[in-house]
Structures are given as structure tokens and as C-alpha cells.
Amino acid sequence: MNMKTGWRSGRSGGFTLIELLVVITIMLPTVARMLSRSRRIVCLSNTRQLSFAWFCYAGDNGGNLAGCSPGGGGWVDVDNTTASLTNGVLWPYLKEVKIYKCPGSRVNVPPNILAQNRSVSINDWLNGTQSKATTLSGIRSLPRTLTFIEEFDDRGYLMGGFAMWGGDSEWTDTVGVFHDNGDNYGYADGHAEFRAYRNPGFLISVRGQHYVSDPNDVDCAWVNQHMWPTQF
């Protein structure tokens, strides 16, 4: 018998179950990173569209800014329904419900966060209850002033504005940190950027807490400085 032709390997040329499981285990982190990055990119596009809609609204209304408080003249209406978005003054510029909610806010979050119809809030210092400017010309630096921010609010709804209270490094609701240890931010000139936090552990640990304050936290300070920049 020809030993070369008579002997056959026990392998058929494919992967064994164990080998497949090993490959899947190795690939899972890569796939997870790719999915996270894709959600971040979609969210960045949404934030950019919101910011540009906010900017266009001001341009079409004599420089007057959209109201921060939900209700008549507000960027969104009251409640946590689709109608609260479609009745807002920015809706004619967007006309897409999913723009208001980050895909990352649907991952590893409690049910009341999952049920919210939006995951972004607006800078309350721009024509809001803590207003420092009511017109576009009243903003000192459009490219450095925040308009939209991802927010984590476990009360089951989002307030209209994302305001700083009590001075540096203090806010009423915590930021989202929905993907890649950072958040997407919209700015008053209509652009948007992703910012990775230097201390994401602190921000995640205070999720759901309100009136959070840490004067030594660099990320808290950064957000505060860009709510109303005083230095350019």
C-alpha cells in the first residue's frame, strides 16, 4: 500500500469547534470596538446636524437663539414623546427623530435611559434660565462655546438645558460617556467634535447623581469653561 495515499489525516481542512471558539474569542474585542466606533461616528453626525440646525435657526430669526426651556419657542417641547421633538423649533431643520438620540445610549443602560427619546441636552446659558446670551451676536466665541452635549439622566427624562450651577466644575446632570470614554459636543458655529475624557472613571462613577461637583476634576472644568468661554 502506498503510504502517501493510504494514510489520511484526521482533519478535513476546516476549523475544529475549539479553534472556531478561540478565533471568535480573539475577534470579539475587535468587533466590539468597531461597533462602538460606528455608533460614535453616527452620534457625531447627529450632533453636527443638531448644532447646524441651531445655528441656522438663529440665522433665520434675526440672530435670536432657540429657547432652551421645553415649551413654546423651545428647541424641543415638553414631555418625553416623539411629539416633544416634532413640536420643537429645530424640527423643521432636521425632521428625523433618531438624530436626537445617540446609538450608544442604547447600550448597557438601565430601562429608563433606554426609553428616553433623546440623549442630548442644550447649553442653558444660551437663551435659557441661566442665560448669558439670547442672540448669536452675544456669544463671545462661536467655535468654542458648547451648544449640545450628551447627557445621562436616570430620572427617565431630560431637562431642557444642561446648566452649570454654583461655579466651576459643578453641573446639574452628568454627561453621557456613552462610547469610547468620551462624548460628542456641538458648538455654536455649527460644528461638532468628539472629546475623550481624561478621567472617565470619575464621570461614570457619578452617573445619575445631580449637582455633581469636583473642583479638581479636569473634565468637569473643561465642560464648565466651554459653557461660556472667557478666554480665547
Protein backbone atom coordinates (compact mmCIF):
# COMPACT_ATOMS: atom_id res chain seq x y z
CA MET A 1 0.00 0.00 0.00
CA ASN A 2 1.24 3.39 -0.88
CA MET A 3 1.68 5.08 2.46
CA LYS A 4 1.35 8.52 0.92
CA THR A 5 -2.11 7.76 -0.47
CA GLY A 6 -3.27 5.20 2.06
CA TRP A 7 -2.89 7.38 5.16
CA ARG A 8 -5.37 10.19 5.71
CA SER A 9 -5.25 12.97 8.21
CA GLY A 10 -8.00 13.22 10.76
CA ARG A 11 -8.56 16.81 9.65
CA SER A 12 -10.78 17.77 6.77
CA GLY A 13 -9.03 21.07 6.17
CA GLY A 14 -11.54 23.15 8.17
CA PHE A 15 -11.52 24.51 11.71
CA THR A 16 -12.41 22.40 14.70
CA LEU A 17 -15.06 23.70 17.09
CA ILE A 18 -12.41 24.60 19.65
CA GLU A 19 -10.40 26.51 17.04
CA LEU A 20 -13.53 28.40 15.97
CA LEU A 21 -14.27 29.34 19.56
CA VAL A 22 -10.70 30.58 20.01
CA VAL A 23 -10.96 32.72 16.85
CA ILE A 24 -14.31 34.14 17.95
CA THR A 25 -12.94 34.94 21.39
CA ILE A 26 -10.00 36.77 19.84
CA MET A 27 -12.20 38.66 17.39
CA LEU A 28 -14.92 39.75 19.82
CA PRO A 29 -13.00 42.72 21.28
CA THR A 30 -12.18 43.95 17.78
CA VAL A 31 -15.80 43.67 16.68
CA ALA A 32 -16.93 45.46 19.84
CA ARG A 33 -14.51 48.32 19.18
CA MET A 34 -15.71 48.59 15.58
CA LEU A 35 -19.35 48.73 16.69
CA SER A 36 -18.54 51.31 19.33
CA ARG A 37 -16.69 53.44 16.82
CA SER A 38 -19.53 53.21 14.32
CA ARG A 39 -22.01 54.37 16.98
CA ARG A 40 -19.69 57.22 17.85
CA ILE A 41 -19.48 58.31 14.20
CA VAL A 42 -23.27 58.21 13.81
CA CYS A 43 -23.67 60.19 17.02
CA LEU A 44 -21.12 62.77 15.86
CA SER A 45 -23.09 63.24 12.65
CA ASN A 46 -26.29 63.67 14.68
CA THR A 47 -24.68 66.21 16.97
CA ARG A 48 -23.33 68.14 13.99
CA GLN A 49 -26.80 68.25 12.44
CA LEU A 50 -28.33 69.49 15.69
CA SER A 51 -25.69 72.18 16.06
CA PHE A 52 -26.06 73.33 12.48
CA ALA A 53 -29.86 73.39 12.83
CA TRP A 54 -29.46 75.53 15.97
CA PHE A 55 -27.16 77.88 14.07
CA CYS A 56 -29.49 78.07 11.05
CA TYR A 57 -32.48 78.79 13.25
CA ALA A 58 -30.71 81.81 14.68
CA GLY A 59 -29.79 82.98 11.18
CA ASP A 60 -33.39 82.70 10.04
CA ASN A 61 -34.76 84.51 13.09
CA GLY A 62 -32.79 87.74 13.26
CA GLY A 63 -29.99 86.20 15.30
CA ASN A 64 -32.33 85.15 18.12
CA LEU A 65 -31.42 81.83 19.72
CA ALA A 66 -33.79 78.89 20.12
CA GLY A 67 -35.14 78.69 23.64
CA CYS A 68 -33.54 76.15 25.98
CA SER A 69 -36.62 75.53 28.09
CA PRO A 70 -39.10 72.98 26.70
CA GLY A 71 -42.34 74.50 25.52
CA GLY A 72 -43.36 77.26 23.15
CA GLY A 73 -40.32 78.56 21.28
CA GLY A 74 -38.08 75.89 22.79
CA TRP A 75 -35.73 73.66 20.83
CA VAL A 76 -37.94 70.78 21.99
CA ASP A 77 -41.39 70.66 23.54
CA VAL A 78 -42.28 69.28 26.95
CA ASP A 79 -42.55 65.56 27.78
CA ASN A 80 -40.65 62.55 26.52
CA THR A 81 -42.57 61.69 23.37
CA THR A 82 -41.98 61.95 19.65
CA ALA A 83 -44.26 64.98 19.66
CA SER A 84 -41.90 66.73 22.06
CA LEU A 85 -39.30 66.62 19.30
CA THR A 86 -41.52 67.39 16.33
CA ASN A 87 -43.04 70.40 18.11
CA GLY A 88 -39.64 71.94 18.84
CA VAL A 89 -38.42 74.88 16.77
CA LEU A 90 -35.43 72.93 15.41
CA TRP A 91 -37.55 70.16 13.93
CA PRO A 92 -38.10 71.85 10.52
CA TYR A 93 -34.32 71.77 10.02
CA LEU A 94 -33.95 68.09 10.98
CA LYS A 95 -37.16 66.07 10.53
CA GLU A 96 -35.57 62.89 11.84
CA VAL A 97 -36.35 61.58 15.33
CA LYS A 98 -33.22 59.41 15.61
CA ILE A 99 -30.96 62.47 15.39
CA TYR A 100 -31.88 63.36 18.96
CA LYS A 101 -30.65 60.08 20.46
CA CYS A 102 -27.15 58.65 20.43
CA PRO A 103 -26.93 54.97 19.39
CA GLY A 104 -24.51 54.50 22.27
CA SER A 105 -27.22 55.45 24.78
CA ARG A 106 -28.96 52.16 23.96
CA VAL A 107 -26.05 50.00 25.15
CA ASN A 108 -25.58 48.87 28.76
CA VAL A 109 -28.01 51.40 30.22
CA PRO A 110 -30.99 50.99 32.59
CA PRO A 111 -34.52 50.75 31.10
CA ASN A 112 -35.45 54.36 31.88
CA ILE A 113 -32.45 55.60 29.90
CA LEU A 114 -33.29 53.24 27.08
CA ALA A 115 -36.86 54.57 26.94
CA GLN A 116 -35.86 58.20 26.51
CA ASN A 117 -36.44 59.67 23.07
CA ARG A 118 -33.31 61.78 23.22
CA SER A 119 -29.91 61.64 24.85
CA VAL A 120 -28.72 65.19 24.20
CA SER A 121 -29.31 68.38 26.08
CA ILE A 122 -28.64 72.00 25.29
CA ASN A 123 -26.48 74.68 26.92
CA ASP A 124 -28.84 76.52 29.28
CA TRP A 125 -26.61 79.59 29.23
CA LEU A 126 -27.72 80.31 25.66
CA ASN A 127 -31.24 81.74 25.92
CA GLY A 128 -32.14 79.62 28.92
CA THR A 129 -32.86 80.10 32.60
CA GLN A 130 -29.19 80.87 33.28
CA SER A 131 -28.92 82.92 30.10
CA LYS A 132 -25.78 84.85 29.24
CA ALA A 133 -26.77 85.42 25.61
CA THR A 134 -30.07 85.47 23.73
CA THR A 135 -28.67 86.28 20.29
CA LEU A 136 -25.93 84.82 18.14
CA SER A 137 -24.00 88.09 18.21
CA GLY A 138 -23.99 88.00 22.02
CA ILE A 139 -21.81 84.89 22.12
CA ARG A 140 -18.16 85.75 22.57
CA SER A 141 -16.69 82.80 20.68
CA LEU A 142 -18.91 80.67 18.48
CA PRO A 143 -16.31 77.91 17.77
CA ARG A 144 -15.54 77.43 21.48
CA THR A 145 -19.00 77.68 23.04
CA LEU A 146 -20.90 74.45 23.59
CA THR A 147 -24.46 74.11 22.36
CA PHE A 148 -25.26 70.38 22.63
CA ILE A 149 -23.93 67.76 24.98
CA GLU A 150 -24.64 64.08 25.60
CA GLU A 151 -26.33 63.65 28.95
CA PHE A 152 -27.07 60.79 31.32
CA ASP A 153 -30.30 61.47 33.21
CA ASP A 154 -31.68 58.44 35.03
CA ARG A 155 -34.88 60.20 36.09
CA GLY A 156 -36.44 58.98 32.85
CA TYR A 157 -36.39 62.29 31.01
CA LEU A 158 -34.02 65.10 30.18
CA MET A 159 -34.42 68.66 31.30
CA GLY A 160 -34.26 71.30 28.60
CA GLY A 161 -30.86 72.72 29.41
CA PHE A 162 -27.50 71.48 30.62
CA ALA A 163 -26.57 74.26 33.01
CA MET A 164 -23.65 74.88 35.30
CA TRP A 165 -24.58 75.87 38.83
CA GLY A 166 -22.56 77.22 41.70
CA GLY A 167 -19.32 77.93 39.91
CA ASP A 168 -16.50 75.94 38.37
CA SER A 169 -16.71 72.18 37.97
CA GLU A 170 -20.33 71.74 39.01
CA TRP A 171 -23.32 70.69 36.91
CA THR A 172 -26.88 69.57 37.44
CA ASP A 173 -26.81 66.39 35.34
CA THR A 174 -23.88 64.22 34.43
CA VAL A 175 -22.52 63.79 30.92
CA GLY A 176 -23.29 60.66 28.91
CA VAL A 177 -19.95 58.86 28.44
CA PHE A 178 -21.82 56.55 26.07
CA HIS A 179 -18.87 55.44 23.95
CA ASP A 180 -15.09 55.26 23.89
CA ASN A 181 -14.80 57.00 27.27
CA GLY A 182 -15.94 60.30 25.81
CA ASP A 183 -18.80 62.29 24.32
CA ASN A 184 -19.67 64.28 21.24
CA TYR A 185 -20.11 68.00 21.65
CA GLY A 186 -21.83 70.55 19.45
CA TYR A 187 -20.60 74.13 19.16
CA ALA A 188 -22.25 77.46 18.42
CA ASP A 189 -20.71 77.82 14.95
CA GLY A 190 -22.47 74.63 13.86
CA HIS A 191 -19.61 72.12 14.08
CA ALA A 192 -19.25 69.12 16.39
CA GLU A 193 -16.31 67.26 17.90
CA PHE A 194 -15.65 64.11 19.90
CA ARG A 195 -13.77 64.57 23.15
CA ALA A 196 -12.22 61.69 25.08
CA TYR A 197 -12.23 62.34 28.81
CA ARG A 198 -9.04 62.35 30.79
CA ASN A 199 -10.80 60.97 33.85
CA PRO A 200 -13.72 58.87 32.54
CA GLY A 201 -13.76 56.78 35.69
CA PHE A 202 -14.96 59.74 37.73
CA LEU A 203 -17.63 60.69 35.22
CA ILE A 204 -19.01 57.15 35.01
CA SER A 205 -18.98 56.78 38.79
CA VAL A 206 -21.23 59.82 39.27
CA ARG A 207 -23.81 58.82 36.67
CA GLY A 208 -27.30 59.51 37.95
CA GLN A 209 -26.09 61.96 40.58
CA HIS A 210 -27.18 65.56 40.18
CA TYR A 211 -25.39 68.74 41.23
CA VAL A 212 -22.10 66.95 40.83
CA SER A 213 -19.07 68.94 41.86
CA ASP A 214 -15.36 68.23 41.85
CA PRO A 215 -13.21 71.35 41.57
CA ASN A 216 -10.14 69.20 40.93
CA ASP A 217 -11.56 67.21 38.03
CA VAL A 218 -10.12 68.34 34.69
CA ASP A 219 -13.11 67.14 32.69
CA CYS A 220 -15.64 68.97 34.83
CA ALA A 221 -13.53 72.09 34.47
CA TRP A 222 -13.29 71.69 30.68
CA VAL A 223 -17.05 71.43 30.26
CA ASN A 224 -17.58 74.44 32.51
CA GLN A 225 -15.05 76.53 30.59
CA HIS A 226 -16.78 75.79 27.30
CA MET A 227 -20.27 76.55 28.50
CA TRP A 228 -19.32 80.22 28.40
CA PRO A 229 -15.68 80.76 27.39
CA THR A 230 -14.00 83.77 28.92
CA GLN A 231 -10.59 83.21 27.33
CA PHE A 232 -9.93 82.57 23.65
